N, C-alpha and C. Protein backbone atom coordinates (compact mmCIF):
# COMPACT_ATOMS: atom_id res chain seq x y z
N MET A 1 -13.88 1.45 -7.81
CA MET A 1 -12.90 0.83 -7.50
C MET A 1 -12.72 -0.15 -8.25
N ALA A 2 -11.65 -0.47 -8.49
CA ALA A 2 -10.42 -1.14 -9.28
C ALA A 2 -9.80 -2.25 -8.46
N LEU A 3 -9.64 -3.62 -8.68
CA LEU A 3 -8.75 -4.42 -7.80
C LEU A 3 -7.42 -4.43 -8.18
N ASN A 4 -6.28 -4.22 -7.48
CA ASN A 4 -4.84 -4.85 -8.57
C ASN A 4 -4.59 -3.70 -9.79
N PRO A 5 -4.71 -2.73 -9.72
CA PRO A 5 -3.94 -1.95 -10.77
C PRO A 5 -2.65 -2.04 -11.02
N GLN A 6 -2.17 -2.26 -12.12
CA GLN A 6 -0.97 -1.90 -12.48
C GLN A 6 0.11 -1.01 -11.73
N LEU A 7 1.41 -1.94 -11.32
CA LEU A 7 2.31 -1.01 -10.35
C LEU A 7 3.73 -1.35 -11.05
N PHE A 8 4.49 -0.69 -10.68
CA PHE A 8 5.83 -0.57 -11.24
C PHE A 8 6.65 -1.64 -10.30
N PRO A 9 7.79 -2.18 -10.36
CA PRO A 9 8.39 -3.40 -9.70
C PRO A 9 8.60 -2.68 -8.35
N ASN A 10 8.57 -1.13 -8.06
CA ASN A 10 9.06 -0.24 -6.95
C ASN A 10 7.82 -0.15 -5.61
N GLY A 11 6.44 -0.43 -6.57
CA GLY A 11 5.29 -0.41 -6.13
C GLY A 11 4.35 0.68 -6.36
N ILE A 12 4.84 1.70 -7.36
CA ILE A 12 4.46 2.70 -7.72
C ILE A 12 3.46 2.54 -8.93
N PRO A 13 1.92 3.10 -8.68
CA PRO A 13 1.60 2.82 -9.72
C PRO A 13 1.67 3.12 -11.08
N ILE A 14 1.22 2.42 -12.01
CA ILE A 14 1.92 3.20 -13.83
C ILE A 14 0.92 3.74 -13.91
N PRO A 15 0.77 5.37 -14.19
CA PRO A 15 0.35 6.29 -14.28
C PRO A 15 -0.59 5.76 -15.33
N PHE A 16 -1.51 6.85 -15.68
CA PHE A 16 -2.30 7.07 -16.79
C PHE A 16 -1.87 7.92 -17.70
N VAL A 17 -2.44 8.46 -18.91
CA VAL A 17 -1.99 9.61 -19.60
C VAL A 17 -2.60 11.05 -18.95
N SER A 18 -1.88 11.84 -18.83
CA SER A 18 -1.78 12.90 -17.98
C SER A 18 -2.34 13.04 -16.90
N GLU A 19 -1.92 11.64 -15.90
CA GLU A 19 -1.83 12.06 -14.47
C GLU A 19 -0.62 12.34 -13.96
N LEU A 20 -0.65 13.35 -13.21
CA LEU A 20 0.01 13.79 -12.05
C LEU A 20 -0.27 13.14 -10.43
N PHE A 21 0.75 12.78 -9.66
CA PHE A 21 1.02 12.31 -8.68
C PHE A 21 0.89 13.61 -7.50
N VAL A 22 0.24 13.45 -6.55
CA VAL A 22 0.38 14.78 -6.18
C VAL A 22 1.17 14.49 -4.54
N LEU A 23 0.78 13.23 -4.01
CA LEU A 23 1.23 13.01 -2.87
C LEU A 23 1.24 11.50 -2.50
N VAL A 24 2.12 11.05 -1.29
CA VAL A 24 2.28 9.68 -1.02
C VAL A 24 2.27 9.82 0.26
N ARG A 25 1.70 8.50 1.19
CA ARG A 25 1.70 8.49 2.13
C ARG A 25 1.74 7.27 3.28
N ASP A 26 2.83 6.92 3.55
CA ASP A 26 3.19 5.46 4.11
C ASP A 26 2.49 5.40 5.49
N GLY A 27 2.52 4.32 6.10
CA GLY A 27 1.86 4.17 7.25
C GLY A 27 0.32 4.19 7.84
N VAL A 28 -0.16 3.97 6.62
CA VAL A 28 -1.59 3.74 6.73
C VAL A 28 -2.42 2.44 6.89
N GLU A 29 -3.65 2.41 7.46
CA GLU A 29 -4.33 1.04 7.38
C GLU A 29 -5.19 1.21 6.40
N PHE A 30 -5.67 0.71 5.67
CA PHE A 30 -7.44 0.42 4.63
C PHE A 30 -7.99 -0.72 4.77
N GLU A 31 -9.17 0.01 4.92
CA GLU A 31 -10.09 -1.07 5.14
C GLU A 31 -11.19 -0.94 3.78
N VAL A 32 -11.83 -1.83 3.35
CA VAL A 32 -12.90 -1.93 2.46
C VAL A 32 -13.79 -3.12 2.47
N ASP A 33 -15.01 -3.02 2.19
CA ASP A 33 -15.66 -4.04 2.08
C ASP A 33 -16.02 -4.73 0.90
N LYS A 34 -16.91 -5.74 1.08
CA LYS A 34 -17.64 -6.11 -0.63
C LYS A 34 -16.46 -6.48 -1.28
N VAL A 35 -15.42 -6.91 -0.97
CA VAL A 35 -14.39 -7.13 -1.97
C VAL A 35 -14.57 -8.78 -2.41
N PRO A 36 -14.56 -9.41 -3.60
CA PRO A 36 -15.05 -10.39 -4.21
C PRO A 36 -13.75 -11.24 -4.12
N GLY A 37 -14.13 -12.56 -3.43
CA GLY A 37 -13.02 -13.48 -2.89
C GLY A 37 -12.35 -13.62 -1.91
N SER A 38 -12.60 -12.53 -0.90
CA SER A 38 -12.11 -12.13 0.44
C SER A 38 -13.05 -12.87 0.93
N GLN A 39 -12.59 -13.27 2.34
CA GLN A 39 -13.31 -13.74 3.41
C GLN A 39 -13.89 -12.93 3.98
N GLY A 40 -15.54 -12.95 4.06
CA GLY A 40 -16.54 -11.89 4.43
C GLY A 40 -16.74 -11.02 3.95
N GLY A 41 -15.67 -10.86 2.72
CA GLY A 41 -15.74 -9.42 1.41
C GLY A 41 -15.30 -8.01 2.51
N ARG A 42 -14.75 -8.61 3.31
CA ARG A 42 -13.68 -7.20 3.77
C ARG A 42 -12.54 -7.46 3.91
N VAL A 43 -11.78 -6.55 3.26
CA VAL A 43 -10.10 -6.78 3.58
C VAL A 43 -9.67 -5.53 4.39
N LYS A 44 -8.89 -5.62 4.77
CA LYS A 44 -7.96 -4.65 6.07
C LYS A 44 -6.50 -5.13 5.75
N ALA A 45 -5.53 -3.84 5.43
CA ALA A 45 -4.12 -3.93 5.28
C ALA A 45 -3.76 -2.89 5.75
N LYS A 46 -2.27 -2.76 6.02
CA LYS A 46 -1.37 -1.88 6.27
C LYS A 46 -0.22 -1.64 4.75
N GLY A 47 0.03 -0.35 4.65
CA GLY A 47 0.59 0.23 3.58
C GLY A 47 0.63 1.52 3.17
N THR A 48 0.30 2.09 2.24
CA THR A 48 1.06 3.27 1.39
C THR A 48 -0.34 3.65 0.62
N VAL A 49 -0.66 4.94 0.47
CA VAL A 49 -1.92 5.74 -0.24
C VAL A 49 -0.86 6.79 -0.98
N TYR A 50 -1.36 6.55 -2.48
CA TYR A 50 -0.83 7.91 -3.69
C TYR A 50 -2.12 8.04 -3.85
N LEU A 51 -1.76 9.46 -4.24
CA LEU A 51 -3.02 10.57 -4.10
C LEU A 51 -2.95 10.96 -5.98
N SER A 52 -3.29 10.94 -6.64
CA SER A 52 -3.26 11.79 -8.28
C SER A 52 -4.25 12.63 -8.57
N ASN A 53 -4.13 13.30 -9.49
CA ASN A 53 -5.51 14.18 -10.02
C ASN A 53 -6.34 13.19 -10.45
N ILE A 54 -6.07 12.05 -10.76
CA ILE A 54 -7.54 11.32 -11.13
C ILE A 54 -7.50 10.15 -10.19
N ARG A 55 -6.88 9.73 -9.06
CA ARG A 55 -7.35 8.72 -8.18
C ARG A 55 -6.65 8.36 -7.05
N MET A 56 -7.02 7.70 -6.04
CA MET A 56 -6.18 7.13 -4.98
C MET A 56 -5.98 5.89 -5.03
N VAL A 57 -4.54 5.44 -4.80
CA VAL A 57 -4.28 4.00 -5.08
C VAL A 57 -3.45 3.80 -3.51
N PHE A 58 -4.39 2.76 -3.07
CA PHE A 58 -3.66 2.09 -1.37
C PHE A 58 -2.96 0.67 -2.22
N VAL A 59 -1.40 0.57 -1.95
CA VAL A 59 -0.62 -0.76 -2.17
C VAL A 59 -0.35 -1.23 -0.55
N ALA A 60 -0.69 -2.42 -0.50
CA ALA A 60 -0.56 -2.86 0.70
C ALA A 60 1.14 -3.60 0.71
N SER A 61 1.31 -3.24 1.98
CA SER A 61 3.00 -3.68 2.28
C SER A 61 3.26 -5.27 1.93
N LYS A 62 1.97 -6.24 2.39
CA LYS A 62 2.07 -7.45 2.13
C LYS A 62 0.71 -7.91 1.77
N ALA A 63 0.58 -8.41 0.74
CA ALA A 63 -0.69 -8.93 -0.19
C ALA A 63 -1.56 -9.44 0.71
N VAL A 64 -2.66 -9.48 0.93
CA VAL A 64 -3.77 -10.46 1.33
C VAL A 64 -4.53 -10.93 0.44
N GLY A 65 -3.94 -12.28 0.44
CA GLY A 65 -4.43 -13.14 -1.11
C GLY A 65 -4.17 -12.70 -1.86
N ASP A 66 -4.76 -12.31 -2.78
CA ASP A 66 -4.27 -12.46 -4.21
C ASP A 66 -3.94 -10.65 -4.64
N LEU A 67 -4.89 -9.73 -3.28
CA LEU A 67 -5.05 -8.57 -3.50
C LEU A 67 -3.82 -7.92 -2.80
N VAL A 68 -3.23 -6.70 -3.73
CA VAL A 68 -1.85 -6.12 -3.66
C VAL A 68 -2.47 -4.71 -3.32
N ALA A 69 -3.25 -4.38 -4.60
CA ALA A 69 -3.53 -3.16 -4.62
C ALA A 69 -5.00 -2.68 -4.77
N PHE A 70 -5.62 -1.18 -4.40
CA PHE A 70 -7.09 -1.03 -4.73
C PHE A 70 -6.93 0.65 -5.43
N ASP A 71 -7.60 0.50 -6.39
CA ASP A 71 -7.72 2.00 -7.21
C ASP A 71 -9.00 2.49 -7.30
N MET A 72 -9.15 3.75 -6.25
CA MET A 72 -10.50 4.62 -6.06
C MET A 72 -10.15 5.67 -7.51
N PRO A 73 -11.00 5.84 -8.49
CA PRO A 73 -11.01 7.10 -9.01
C PRO A 73 -11.87 8.10 -8.00
N LEU A 74 -11.39 9.36 -8.32
CA LEU A 74 -11.89 10.54 -7.48
C LEU A 74 -13.25 10.84 -7.75
N LEU A 75 -13.62 10.73 -9.13
CA LEU A 75 -14.86 10.88 -9.57
C LEU A 75 -15.94 9.69 -8.95
N TYR A 76 -15.39 8.71 -8.61
CA TYR A 76 -16.22 7.58 -8.24
C TYR A 76 -16.33 7.72 -6.59
N VAL A 77 -15.46 8.43 -5.86
CA VAL A 77 -15.77 8.40 -4.26
C VAL A 77 -16.86 9.39 -3.69
N HIS A 78 -17.57 9.07 -2.57
CA HIS A 78 -18.61 10.18 -2.24
C HIS A 78 -18.66 9.71 -0.80
N GLY A 79 -19.39 10.73 0.00
CA GLY A 79 -19.81 10.58 1.03
C GLY A 79 -18.46 10.39 2.10
N GLU A 80 -17.28 11.42 1.57
CA GLU A 80 -15.94 11.40 2.12
C GLU A 80 -16.05 11.80 3.33
N LYS A 81 -15.38 11.36 4.76
CA LYS A 81 -15.42 12.32 5.75
C LYS A 81 -14.29 12.07 6.24
N PHE A 82 -13.97 13.40 6.87
CA PHE A 82 -12.70 13.12 8.27
C PHE A 82 -13.20 13.06 9.76
N ASN A 83 -12.97 11.92 10.02
CA ASN A 83 -13.17 11.52 11.50
C ASN A 83 -11.98 11.76 12.63
N GLN A 84 -12.28 12.53 13.88
CA GLN A 84 -11.11 12.09 14.67
C GLN A 84 -11.88 12.02 16.20
N PRO A 85 -11.55 10.53 16.12
CA PRO A 85 -12.38 9.55 17.41
C PRO A 85 -11.34 10.15 18.43
N ILE A 86 -11.91 9.68 19.76
CA ILE A 86 -11.39 10.36 20.85
C ILE A 86 -9.93 8.93 21.27
N PHE A 87 -10.48 8.39 21.01
CA PHE A 87 -9.64 6.98 21.40
C PHE A 87 -8.99 6.18 20.56
N PHE A 88 -9.42 6.70 18.76
CA PHE A 88 -8.54 5.95 17.76
C PHE A 88 -8.29 7.17 17.16
N CYS A 89 -7.24 6.29 15.85
CA CYS A 89 -6.61 7.74 15.36
C CYS A 89 -7.33 8.22 14.56
N ASN A 90 -7.20 9.30 14.14
CA ASN A 90 -7.72 9.85 12.84
C ASN A 90 -7.89 8.84 11.26
N ASN A 91 -8.74 9.40 10.81
CA ASN A 91 -9.28 8.64 9.53
C ASN A 91 -10.47 9.11 8.32
N ILE A 92 -10.26 8.78 7.56
CA ILE A 92 -10.87 9.25 6.49
C ILE A 92 -11.95 7.69 6.12
N SER A 93 -13.36 8.49 6.17
CA SER A 93 -14.65 7.21 5.81
C SER A 93 -15.20 7.66 4.43
N GLY A 94 -15.61 7.15 3.88
CA GLY A 94 -16.58 7.43 2.44
C GLY A 94 -16.63 5.85 1.73
N PHE A 95 -17.16 6.42 0.88
CA PHE A 95 -18.08 5.16 -0.47
C PHE A 95 -17.46 5.39 -1.57
N VAL A 96 -17.39 4.49 -2.34
CA VAL A 96 -16.37 4.76 -4.17
C VAL A 96 -17.33 3.36 -4.62
N GLU A 97 -17.54 3.87 -5.97
CA GLU A 97 -18.42 3.04 -6.84
C GLU A 97 -17.13 2.40 -7.32
N PRO A 98 -18.08 0.70 -7.80
CA PRO A 98 -16.89 -0.39 -8.46
C PRO A 98 -16.69 0.50 -10.07
N VAL A 99 -15.19 -0.23 -10.49
CA VAL A 99 -15.04 0.23 -12.01
C VAL A 99 -15.62 -0.92 -12.75
N VAL A 100 -16.79 -0.95 -13.28
CA VAL A 100 -17.46 -2.10 -14.18
C VAL A 100 -17.16 -2.11 -15.60
N PRO A 101 -16.68 -3.37 -15.59
CA PRO A 101 -15.94 -3.87 -17.39
C PRO A 101 -17.18 -3.64 -17.99
N ASP A 102 -16.44 -3.56 -19.20
CA ASP A 102 -17.70 -2.65 -20.42
C ASP A 102 -18.59 -4.05 -20.62
N ASP A 103 -18.15 -4.97 -20.62
CA ASP A 103 -19.51 -6.08 -21.18
C ASP A 103 -20.03 -6.66 -19.49
N GLN A 104 -19.81 -5.79 -18.56
CA GLN A 104 -20.81 -6.16 -17.52
C GLN A 104 -21.72 -5.24 -17.12
N HIS A 105 -22.76 -5.58 -16.34
CA HIS A 105 -24.05 -4.56 -15.97
C HIS A 105 -23.65 -4.54 -14.86
N ARG A 106 -23.91 -3.06 -14.71
CA ARG A 106 -23.58 -2.13 -13.34
C ARG A 106 -24.43 -2.97 -11.97
N ALA A 107 -25.35 -3.29 -11.93
CA ALA A 107 -26.36 -4.04 -10.95
C ALA A 107 -25.80 -5.01 -10.14
N LEU A 108 -24.85 -5.62 -10.93
CA LEU A 108 -23.85 -6.90 -10.58
C LEU A 108 -22.89 -6.44 -9.30
N TYR A 109 -22.82 -5.16 -9.39
CA TYR A 109 -21.18 -4.68 -8.56
C TYR A 109 -22.04 -3.67 -7.69
N SER A 110 -21.53 -3.79 -6.21
CA SER A 110 -21.60 -3.08 -5.35
C SER A 110 -21.12 -1.90 -4.99
N THR A 111 -21.49 -0.80 -4.55
CA THR A 111 -20.50 0.17 -3.94
C THR A 111 -20.10 -0.29 -2.30
N HIS A 112 -18.61 0.25 -2.30
CA HIS A 112 -17.63 -0.29 -1.24
C HIS A 112 -18.02 0.80 -0.50
N SER A 113 -17.55 0.47 1.02
CA SER A 113 -16.96 1.64 1.79
C SER A 113 -15.72 1.47 2.35
N PHE A 114 -15.01 2.61 2.79
CA PHE A 114 -13.81 2.34 2.70
C PHE A 114 -13.60 3.56 3.87
N LYS A 115 -12.15 2.91 4.70
CA LYS A 115 -11.63 3.70 5.39
C LYS A 115 -9.98 4.00 5.16
N ILE A 116 -9.67 4.75 5.71
CA ILE A 116 -8.10 4.86 5.98
C ILE A 116 -7.57 5.66 6.96
N LEU A 117 -6.81 5.04 7.81
CA LEU A 117 -6.95 5.35 8.89
C LEU A 117 -5.39 5.76 9.04
N PHE A 118 -4.92 7.16 9.42
CA PHE A 118 -3.19 7.44 9.61
C PHE A 118 -2.69 6.84 11.19
N LYS A 119 -2.00 6.03 10.92
CA LYS A 119 -1.70 5.08 12.05
C LYS A 119 -0.13 6.15 12.56
N GLU A 120 0.56 6.43 11.58
CA GLU A 120 1.93 7.03 12.43
C GLU A 120 2.07 8.26 11.88
N GLY A 121 1.93 9.37 12.92
CA GLY A 121 1.88 10.47 12.75
C GLY A 121 0.46 11.28 12.24
N GLY A 122 0.69 12.86 12.32
CA GLY A 122 -0.57 13.10 11.59
C GLY A 122 -0.95 13.20 10.61
N CYS A 123 -1.96 13.96 9.60
CA CYS A 123 -2.33 14.14 8.87
C CYS A 123 -2.86 15.49 8.09
N GLY A 124 -2.32 16.43 8.82
CA GLY A 124 -2.59 17.93 8.51
C GLY A 124 -2.26 18.35 7.30
N THR A 125 -1.41 17.78 6.33
CA THR A 125 -0.80 18.21 5.32
C THR A 125 -1.79 17.21 4.09
N PHE A 126 -1.85 15.99 4.18
CA PHE A 126 -2.74 15.09 3.69
C PHE A 126 -4.16 15.60 3.49
N ILE A 127 -4.85 15.49 4.29
CA ILE A 127 -6.20 16.08 4.78
C ILE A 127 -6.92 17.06 3.52
N PRO A 128 -6.22 18.60 3.95
CA PRO A 128 -6.42 19.37 2.64
C PRO A 128 -6.42 18.97 1.53
N LEU A 129 -5.47 18.78 1.30
CA LEU A 129 -5.32 18.00 -0.58
C LEU A 129 -5.79 17.20 -0.71
N PHE A 130 -6.50 16.47 -0.04
CA PHE A 130 -7.41 15.38 -0.15
C PHE A 130 -8.45 15.89 -0.89
N PHE A 131 -9.17 16.56 0.65
CA PHE A 131 -10.62 17.44 0.27
C PHE A 131 -10.36 18.38 -0.70
N ASN A 132 -9.40 19.42 -1.03
CA ASN A 132 -9.24 20.26 -2.11
C ASN A 132 -9.36 19.60 -3.36
N LEU A 133 -8.74 18.59 -3.40
CA LEU A 133 -8.54 18.02 -4.97
C LEU A 133 -9.57 17.16 -5.53
N ILE A 134 -10.51 16.63 -4.64
CA ILE A 134 -11.60 15.65 -5.03
C ILE A 134 -12.85 16.80 -5.28
N SER A 135 -12.52 18.14 -4.69
CA SER A 135 -13.92 18.84 -4.76
C SER A 135 -13.37 19.95 -6.24
N SER A 136 -12.14 19.69 -6.80
CA SER A 136 -11.85 20.16 -7.72
C SER A 136 -12.21 19.21 -8.81
N VAL A 137 -12.11 18.44 -8.69
CA VAL A 137 -12.44 17.25 -9.62
C VAL A 137 -13.97 17.03 -9.66
N ARG A 138 -14.71 17.34 -8.52
CA ARG A 138 -16.42 17.48 -8.74
C ARG A 138 -16.33 18.60 -9.67
N GLN A 139 -16.22 19.82 -9.35
CA GLN A 139 -16.48 20.86 -10.27
C GLN A 139 -16.18 21.17 -11.67
N TYR A 140 -15.12 20.39 -12.02
CA TYR A 140 -14.42 20.44 -13.34
C TYR A 140 -15.52 19.53 -14.09
N ASN A 141 -15.94 18.34 -13.16
CA ASN A 141 -16.47 17.30 -14.20
C ASN A 141 -17.76 17.98 -14.26
N GLN A 142 -18.33 18.92 -13.07
CA GLN A 142 -19.95 19.53 -13.40
C GLN A 142 -19.82 20.57 -14.37
N HIS A 143 -18.58 21.35 -14.56
CA HIS A 143 -18.45 22.11 -15.69
C HIS A 143 -18.61 21.74 -16.90
N MET A 144 -17.91 20.82 -17.19
CA MET A 144 -17.27 20.01 -18.55
C MET A 144 -19.21 19.36 -18.88
N ASN A 145 -19.63 19.08 -18.10
CA ASN A 145 -20.70 18.27 -18.60
C ASN A 145 -22.06 18.79 -17.70
N SER A 146 -22.54 19.66 -18.40
CA SER A 146 -23.49 20.73 -17.88
C SER A 146 -25.04 19.82 -18.29
N ALA A 147 -25.04 18.54 -19.07
CA ALA A 147 -25.92 17.70 -19.06
C ALA A 147 -26.75 17.01 -18.11
N ALA A 148 -27.88 16.74 -18.05
CA ALA A 148 -28.65 16.18 -16.69
C ALA A 148 -27.62 15.20 -16.27
N GLN A 149 -27.53 13.93 -17.12
CA GLN A 149 -26.84 12.69 -16.69
C GLN A 149 -25.11 13.27 -16.91
N PRO A 150 -24.56 13.97 -15.79
CA PRO A 150 -22.72 14.06 -16.15
C PRO A 150 -22.09 12.84 -16.66
N CYS A 151 -21.43 12.67 -17.43
CA CYS A 151 -20.23 11.80 -17.75
C CYS A 151 -19.69 11.67 -16.36
N MET A 152 -18.95 10.36 -16.17
CA MET A 152 -18.46 9.46 -14.78
C MET A 152 -16.89 9.22 -15.47
N ASP A 153 -16.46 9.68 -16.37
CA ASP A 153 -15.39 9.26 -17.01
C ASP A 153 -14.18 9.59 -15.85
N PRO A 154 -13.63 8.02 -15.10
CA PRO A 154 -12.98 8.93 -14.10
C PRO A 154 -11.72 9.47 -14.78
N LEU A 155 -10.86 9.43 -15.73
CA LEU A 155 -9.87 9.63 -16.86
C LEU A 155 -10.19 11.34 -17.08
N GLN A 156 -11.12 11.92 -17.07
CA GLN A 156 -11.50 13.24 -17.46
C GLN A 156 -11.21 14.27 -16.28
N ALA A 157 -11.14 13.48 -15.21
CA ALA A 157 -10.61 14.41 -13.76
C ALA A 157 -8.79 14.71 -14.40
N ALA A 158 -8.46 14.11 -15.37
CA ALA A 158 -6.82 14.40 -15.36
C ALA A 158 -6.92 16.16 -16.04
N GLN A 159 -7.64 16.38 -16.65
CA GLN A 159 -7.69 17.67 -17.24
C GLN A 159 -7.99 18.86 -15.60
N THR A 160 -8.13 18.34 -14.42
CA THR A 160 -8.12 19.44 -13.21
C THR A 160 -7.06 20.04 -13.05
N PRO A 161 -6.60 21.19 -12.66
CA PRO A 161 -5.67 22.02 -12.66
C PRO A 161 -5.17 21.40 -11.29
N VAL A 162 -4.21 21.20 -10.93
CA VAL A 162 -3.63 20.88 -9.70
C VAL A 162 -2.27 21.46 -9.36
N ASP A 163 -1.94 22.13 -10.25
CA ASP A 163 -0.48 22.80 -10.01
C ASP A 163 -0.58 23.81 -8.94
N GLU A 164 -1.25 24.36 -8.89
CA GLU A 164 -1.48 25.82 -8.11
C GLU A 164 -1.72 25.09 -6.75
N MET A 165 -2.48 24.22 -6.31
CA MET A 165 -2.41 23.77 -5.42
C MET A 165 -1.71 22.88 -4.69
N MET A 166 -1.11 22.31 -5.24
CA MET A 166 0.20 21.52 -5.14
C MET A 166 1.00 23.01 -4.16
N ARG A 167 1.49 24.00 -5.43
CA ARG A 167 2.21 24.97 -4.58
C ARG A 167 2.23 25.63 -3.38
N GLN A 168 0.61 25.94 -3.31
CA GLN A 168 0.04 26.30 -1.85
C GLN A 168 -0.19 25.63 -0.75
N ALA A 169 0.40 24.26 -1.42
CA ALA A 169 -0.10 23.23 -0.12
C ALA A 169 0.75 23.55 1.51
N TYR A 170 -0.08 23.59 2.67
CA TYR A 170 0.53 23.33 3.71
C TYR A 170 1.09 22.11 4.16
N VAL A 171 2.10 22.29 4.76
CA VAL A 171 3.22 21.47 5.08
C VAL A 171 2.81 21.07 6.42
N ASP A 172 2.62 20.09 7.21
CA ASP A 172 2.38 19.72 8.42
C ASP A 172 3.40 18.94 8.92
N PRO A 173 4.55 19.49 9.43
CA PRO A 173 5.60 18.79 10.15
C PRO A 173 5.62 17.46 11.02
N ASN A 174 4.06 17.38 11.28
CA ASN A 174 3.90 15.94 12.39
C ASN A 174 3.18 14.99 11.45
N ASP A 175 3.42 15.48 9.78
CA ASP A 175 2.47 14.71 8.84
C ASP A 175 3.78 13.74 8.18
N PRO A 176 3.73 12.81 7.84
CA PRO A 176 5.12 12.13 7.08
C PRO A 176 4.51 12.07 5.42
N THR A 177 3.22 12.71 4.68
CA THR A 177 3.18 12.60 3.78
C THR A 177 4.07 13.59 3.02
N ARG A 178 4.48 12.77 1.86
CA ARG A 178 4.93 13.37 0.91
C ARG A 178 4.59 14.12 -0.26
N ILE A 179 4.98 15.47 -0.67
CA ILE A 179 4.33 15.86 -1.97
C ILE A 179 5.48 15.83 -2.89
N PHE A 180 4.89 15.16 -4.08
CA PHE A 180 5.70 15.10 -5.68
C PHE A 180 6.28 16.22 -6.14
N LEU A 181 7.17 17.14 -5.86
CA LEU A 181 7.68 18.26 -6.56
C LEU A 181 8.28 17.68 -7.86
N GLN A 182 8.45 16.53 -8.08
CA GLN A 182 8.60 16.39 -9.54
C GLN A 182 7.92 14.49 -9.67
N GLN A 183 7.01 14.69 -10.94
CA GLN A 183 6.96 13.34 -10.86
C GLN A 183 8.10 12.18 -10.94
N PRO A 184 7.53 10.80 -10.29
CA PRO A 184 8.72 9.76 -10.67
C PRO A 184 8.98 9.30 -12.13
N ASP A 185 10.17 9.00 -11.88
CA ASP A 185 10.61 8.47 -13.63
C ASP A 185 9.82 7.56 -13.43
N SER A 186 8.89 7.03 -14.82
CA SER A 186 7.94 6.39 -15.32
C SER A 186 8.73 6.75 -16.96
N ASP A 187 8.53 5.17 -17.64
CA ASP A 187 8.59 4.83 -18.99
C ASP A 187 7.27 5.46 -19.63
N SER A 188 7.47 6.35 -20.67
CA SER A 188 6.24 7.02 -21.21
C SER A 188 5.17 6.10 -22.04
N ARG A 189 5.96 4.93 -22.32
CA ARG A 189 5.38 4.16 -23.25
C ARG A 189 4.41 3.11 -22.24
N LEU A 190 4.71 2.91 -20.92
CA LEU A 190 3.92 2.12 -20.16
C LEU A 190 2.47 2.96 -19.54
N ARG A 191 2.59 3.92 -20.05
CA ARG A 191 1.30 4.91 -19.58
C ARG A 191 -0.07 4.08 -19.98
N ARG A 192 -0.90 4.00 -19.26
CA ARG A 192 -2.46 3.39 -18.91
C ARG A 192 -3.09 4.64 -19.90
N ARG A 193 -4.20 4.07 -20.53
CA ARG A 193 -4.93 4.81 -21.64
C ARG A 193 -6.42 4.56 -20.96
N ASN A 194 -6.62 3.41 -20.34
CA ASN A 194 -8.02 3.16 -19.96
C ASN A 194 -7.91 2.09 -18.71
N TYR A 195 -9.57 2.36 -18.07
CA TYR A 195 -9.46 1.32 -16.78
C TYR A 195 -10.01 -0.10 -17.49
N HIS A 196 -10.51 -0.43 -18.53
CA HIS A 196 -10.92 -1.88 -19.02
C HIS A 196 -10.02 -2.35 -19.71
N SER A 197 -8.96 -1.89 -20.34
CA SER A 197 -8.10 -2.94 -21.28
C SER A 197 -7.54 -4.09 -20.26
N SER A 198 -7.26 -5.15 -20.78
CA SER A 198 -6.28 -6.27 -20.18
C SER A 198 -5.07 -5.95 -20.13
N PRO A 199 -4.30 -6.64 -19.25
CA PRO A 199 -2.82 -6.15 -18.81
C PRO A 199 -1.91 -5.80 -20.13
N ALA A 200 -2.40 -6.40 -21.13
CA ALA A 200 -1.41 -7.00 -22.33
C ALA A 200 -1.36 -5.07 -22.90
N GLU A 201 -2.92 -5.00 -23.13
CA GLU A 201 -3.27 -4.05 -23.69
C GLU A 201 -2.88 -2.45 -23.04
N ASN A 202 -2.98 -2.51 -21.77
CA ASN A 202 -2.47 -1.23 -20.77
C ASN A 202 -1.14 -0.62 -21.62
N ALA A 203 -0.09 -1.55 -21.40
CA ALA A 203 1.13 -1.04 -21.85
C ALA A 203 1.07 -0.13 -23.46
N ILE A 204 1.43 0.81 -23.63
CA ILE A 204 1.62 1.30 -25.08
C ILE A 204 2.84 1.68 -25.46
């Protein structure tokens, strides 16, 4: 997970090279733990989730301290589970590994647990696309890395074929999720090339 990825003024995440947005879902609540600088390490906020062929990005409606958005590479997500509690709203819970800067040691960073709660409407469109996409990303990564220690470059997921998945997506009328039939307008010069460069270097 990476904190505060770059966003356009309208709140849409600035895409990586070859990144395709699949869907956007408003009206969710996001919870995550072990966030540096937050009280108790836990953050809870309401906002919007963007899902692409590379990552899931939560953008808060209102900043929580200095935190506006959270970037979760799909290759770093594991233990994901769809929960349907009797007295509370449906949600996805799971774990996500941190995006570690090149000059830092992995042992300094903890695995985060997260939860996405669907507070407004159903999730019959979001859930199948989320699980199908994350499964496809993993299969592609295993196929491309047959070595004993597979590469965990999150941007490699950009090669995952998602067009067919989007064409065959079931649209639940009770789910306010919006599927991207065409990519949002963005200046191609602003596309990011990696997770680790400084903000000035991310703009191409």
